């Protein structure tokens, strides 16, 4: 089954996608965004249905957490138009 990125992110936020708490360090997160910016695919996210309607991520949790963190502002990432590079914070934002 194929999902659009926004569908994956929405499923995580609604609790329908169990991702875990693995986080990439800042250089790896920036590399992910640079790869996406250059047009490379996100790659396969492997899940298993752990209970009806709830899926657990087997592979891809760090990519999902990096994307969700950037979109929610918990792991800020931004594109510097002057340097044409992604930059961000190495520490998750405290709530």
Protein backbone atom coordinates (compact mmCIF):
# COMPACT_ATOMS: atom_id res chain seq x y z
CA UNK A 1 0.00 0.00 0.00
CA UNK A 2 1.29 3.48 -0.80
CA UNK A 3 0.74 6.62 1.26
CA UNK A 4 1.55 10.23 0.66
CA UNK A 5 3.89 11.87 3.13
CA UNK A 6 1.14 14.03 4.63
CA UNK A 7 -0.94 10.88 5.25
CA UNK A 8 1.92 9.25 7.16
CA UNK A 9 2.48 12.35 9.26
CA UNK A 10 -1.23 12.70 10.00
CA UNK A 11 -1.44 9.03 11.03
CA UNK A 12 1.44 9.55 13.49
CA UNK A 13 -0.16 12.64 14.98
CA UNK A 14 -3.49 10.79 15.35
CA UNK A 15 -1.82 7.86 17.11
CA UNK A 16 -2.53 5.41 14.28
CA UNK A 17 1.17 5.02 13.55
CA UNK A 18 3.47 3.94 16.37
CA UNK A 19 6.95 5.19 15.55
CA UNK A 20 9.06 4.94 18.68
CA UNK A 21 11.48 7.53 19.98
CA UNK A 22 14.57 7.10 17.82
CA UNK A 23 16.02 10.42 16.60
CA UNK A 24 18.78 11.14 14.15
CA UNK A 25 21.49 13.58 15.09
CA UNK A 26 21.36 16.97 13.36
CA UNK A 27 23.75 16.19 10.45
CA UNK A 28 21.66 13.15 9.48
CA UNK A 29 18.40 15.13 9.67
CA UNK A 30 19.86 17.87 7.49
CA UNK A 31 21.06 15.24 4.99
CA UNK A 32 17.52 13.86 4.81
CA UNK A 33 16.06 17.27 3.97
CA UNK A 34 18.83 17.97 1.47
CA UNK A 35 18.13 14.64 -0.25
CA UNK A 36 14.41 15.41 -0.46
CA UNK A 37 15.18 18.91 -1.76
CA UNK A 38 17.32 17.37 -4.51
CA UNK A 39 14.43 15.12 -5.52
CA UNK A 40 15.53 11.82 -4.02
CA UNK A 41 12.72 9.62 -2.66
CA UNK A 42 12.08 9.24 1.05
CA UNK A 43 12.47 5.48 0.76
CA UNK A 44 10.34 2.64 1.98
CA UNK A 45 8.69 2.79 5.38
CA UNK A 46 7.99 -0.72 6.66
CA UNK A 47 5.09 -1.20 9.07
CA UNK A 48 3.17 -4.05 10.66
CA UNK A 49 -0.43 -3.86 11.89
CA UNK A 50 -0.01 -4.26 15.65
CA UNK A 51 -3.74 -3.98 16.40
CA UNK A 52 -6.77 -3.16 14.24
CA UNK A 53 -6.11 0.20 12.56
CA UNK A 54 -2.80 0.74 14.41
CA UNK A 55 0.51 0.24 12.61
CA UNK A 56 3.98 -0.04 14.16
CA UNK A 57 6.98 1.14 12.17
CA UNK A 58 9.61 -1.57 11.68
CA UNK A 59 11.91 0.56 9.50
CA UNK A 60 11.78 4.31 8.88
CA UNK A 61 11.07 5.70 12.34
CA UNK A 62 14.01 8.11 12.29
CA UNK A 63 12.91 9.53 8.94
CA UNK A 64 9.34 9.95 10.15
CA UNK A 65 10.42 11.51 13.46
CA UNK A 66 12.73 13.92 11.61
CA UNK A 67 9.94 15.03 9.28
CA UNK A 68 7.30 15.33 11.99
CA UNK A 69 9.74 17.16 14.26
CA UNK A 70 10.54 19.68 11.55
CA UNK A 71 6.88 20.22 10.65
CA UNK A 72 5.77 20.70 14.27
CA UNK A 73 8.78 22.83 15.19
CA UNK A 74 9.98 20.34 17.82
CA UNK A 75 13.17 19.71 15.79
CA UNK A 76 13.55 22.98 13.86
CA UNK A 77 15.00 22.73 10.36
CA UNK A 78 15.05 25.59 7.88
CA UNK A 79 16.49 26.34 4.47
CA UNK A 80 19.05 29.16 4.32
CA UNK A 81 18.48 30.88 0.97
CA UNK A 82 21.88 32.58 1.08
CA UNK A 83 23.90 29.39 1.50
CA UNK A 84 21.35 27.09 -0.17
CA UNK A 85 21.78 24.69 2.76
CA UNK A 86 19.49 23.30 5.44
CA UNK A 87 20.20 24.32 9.02
CA UNK A 88 18.62 23.43 12.32
CA UNK A 89 18.79 22.90 16.03
CA UNK A 90 20.68 19.93 17.44
CA UNK A 91 18.40 19.78 20.49
CA UNK A 92 14.67 18.99 20.48
CA UNK A 93 12.51 21.95 21.49
CA UNK A 94 11.18 21.63 25.05
CA UNK A 95 7.44 21.87 25.49
